[in-house]
Amino acid sequence: MQHTHLKIYRGPAEVPTPVQTNEDVVTVSVGEALPLIADAIASERTWLKDFENDDITISRDLYEVLSAYQYFRRPSA
């Protein structure tokens, strides 16, 4: 009989501290949030649907870059 060695996962050793927080809002960098969101989309996580109507706040320059990207990636462009 082969013994299985299990390890208990207790989360990351260090929990990054958000830049700003209150009861309803947490501010994090795009670099921290985007890889997790991209992975959730690629993995087709159903919990994403819970947030699809939520608003997010982004900087004006990121909005302009995303708007330009959306325009230029159109098949007709």
Protein backbone atom coordinates (compact mmCIF):
# COMPACT_ATOMS: atom_id res chain seq x y z
CA MET A 1 0.00 0.00 0.00
CA GLN A 2 1.38 3.37 -1.03
CA HIS A 3 1.17 6.24 1.42
CA THR A 4 -0.13 9.55 0.12
CA HIS A 5 1.53 12.67 1.47
CA LEU A 6 -0.89 15.56 1.59
CA LYS A 7 -0.02 19.15 2.30
CA ILE A 8 -2.38 21.76 3.68
CA TYR A 9 -2.51 24.94 1.63
CA ARG A 10 -2.72 27.96 3.92
CA GLY A 11 -2.69 30.68 1.25
CA PRO A 12 0.13 32.97 0.18
CA ALA A 13 2.90 33.65 2.67
CA GLU A 14 2.41 37.39 2.19
CA VAL A 15 -0.90 39.05 1.50
CA PRO A 16 -0.41 42.24 -0.54
CA THR A 17 -1.91 45.28 1.10
CA PRO A 18 -4.36 47.23 -1.09
CA VAL A 19 -3.51 50.85 -1.78
CA GLN A 20 -6.85 52.11 -0.51
CA THR A 21 -9.70 50.37 1.25
CA ASN A 22 -13.04 51.05 2.88
CA GLU A 23 -16.06 48.83 3.51
CA ASP A 24 -17.14 48.56 -0.14
CA VAL A 25 -14.08 49.51 -2.21
CA VAL A 26 -10.58 48.09 -2.53
CA THR A 27 -8.03 49.66 -4.86
CA VAL A 28 -5.45 47.36 -6.43
CA SER A 29 -3.11 47.71 -9.37
CA VAL A 30 -4.13 46.50 -12.81
CA GLY A 31 -1.01 44.32 -12.74
CA GLU A 32 -2.32 42.50 -9.70
CA ALA A 33 -5.95 42.09 -10.80
CA LEU A 34 -5.66 41.52 -14.56
CA PRO A 35 -3.80 38.18 -14.52
CA LEU A 36 -6.39 36.76 -12.12
CA ILE A 37 -9.30 38.03 -14.22
CA ALA A 38 -7.69 36.75 -17.42
CA ASP A 39 -7.18 33.32 -15.86
CA ALA A 40 -10.79 33.24 -14.65
CA ILE A 41 -12.00 34.12 -18.17
CA ALA A 42 -9.76 31.50 -19.78
CA SER A 43 -10.95 28.92 -17.24
CA GLU A 44 -14.58 29.91 -17.86
CA ARG A 45 -15.30 30.45 -14.16
CA THR A 46 -19.03 30.80 -13.64
CA TRP A 47 -18.65 33.30 -10.78
CA LEU A 48 -17.61 35.95 -13.32
CA LYS A 49 -21.28 36.24 -14.31
CA ASP A 50 -22.01 37.50 -10.78
CA PHE A 51 -19.98 40.62 -11.54
CA GLU A 52 -20.71 41.28 -15.21
CA ASN A 53 -23.03 44.22 -14.41
CA ASP A 54 -20.76 45.75 -11.75
CA ASP A 55 -19.05 49.07 -12.50
CA ILE A 56 -15.30 49.46 -12.27
CA THR A 57 -13.24 52.64 -12.08
CA ILE A 58 -10.18 52.95 -14.30
CA SER A 59 -7.83 55.80 -15.09
CA ARG A 60 -8.58 58.03 -18.07
CA ASP A 61 -5.44 56.98 -19.94
CA LEU A 62 -6.29 53.28 -19.56
CA TYR A 63 -9.81 54.02 -20.79
CA GLU A 64 -8.41 55.79 -23.86
CA VAL A 65 -6.06 52.89 -24.63
CA LEU A 66 -8.87 50.35 -24.24
CA SER A 67 -11.18 52.43 -26.43
CA ALA A 68 -8.54 52.66 -29.17
CA TYR A 69 -7.86 48.93 -28.87
CA GLN A 70 -11.57 48.16 -29.16
CA TYR A 71 -11.85 50.36 -32.26
CA PHE A 72 -8.82 48.93 -34.06
CA ARG A 73 -9.55 45.28 -33.32
CA ARG A 74 -12.93 45.44 -35.11
CA PRO A 75 -13.03 43.17 -38.16
CA SER A 76 -14.15 46.11 -40.35
CA ALA A 77 -11.26 48.36 -39.27
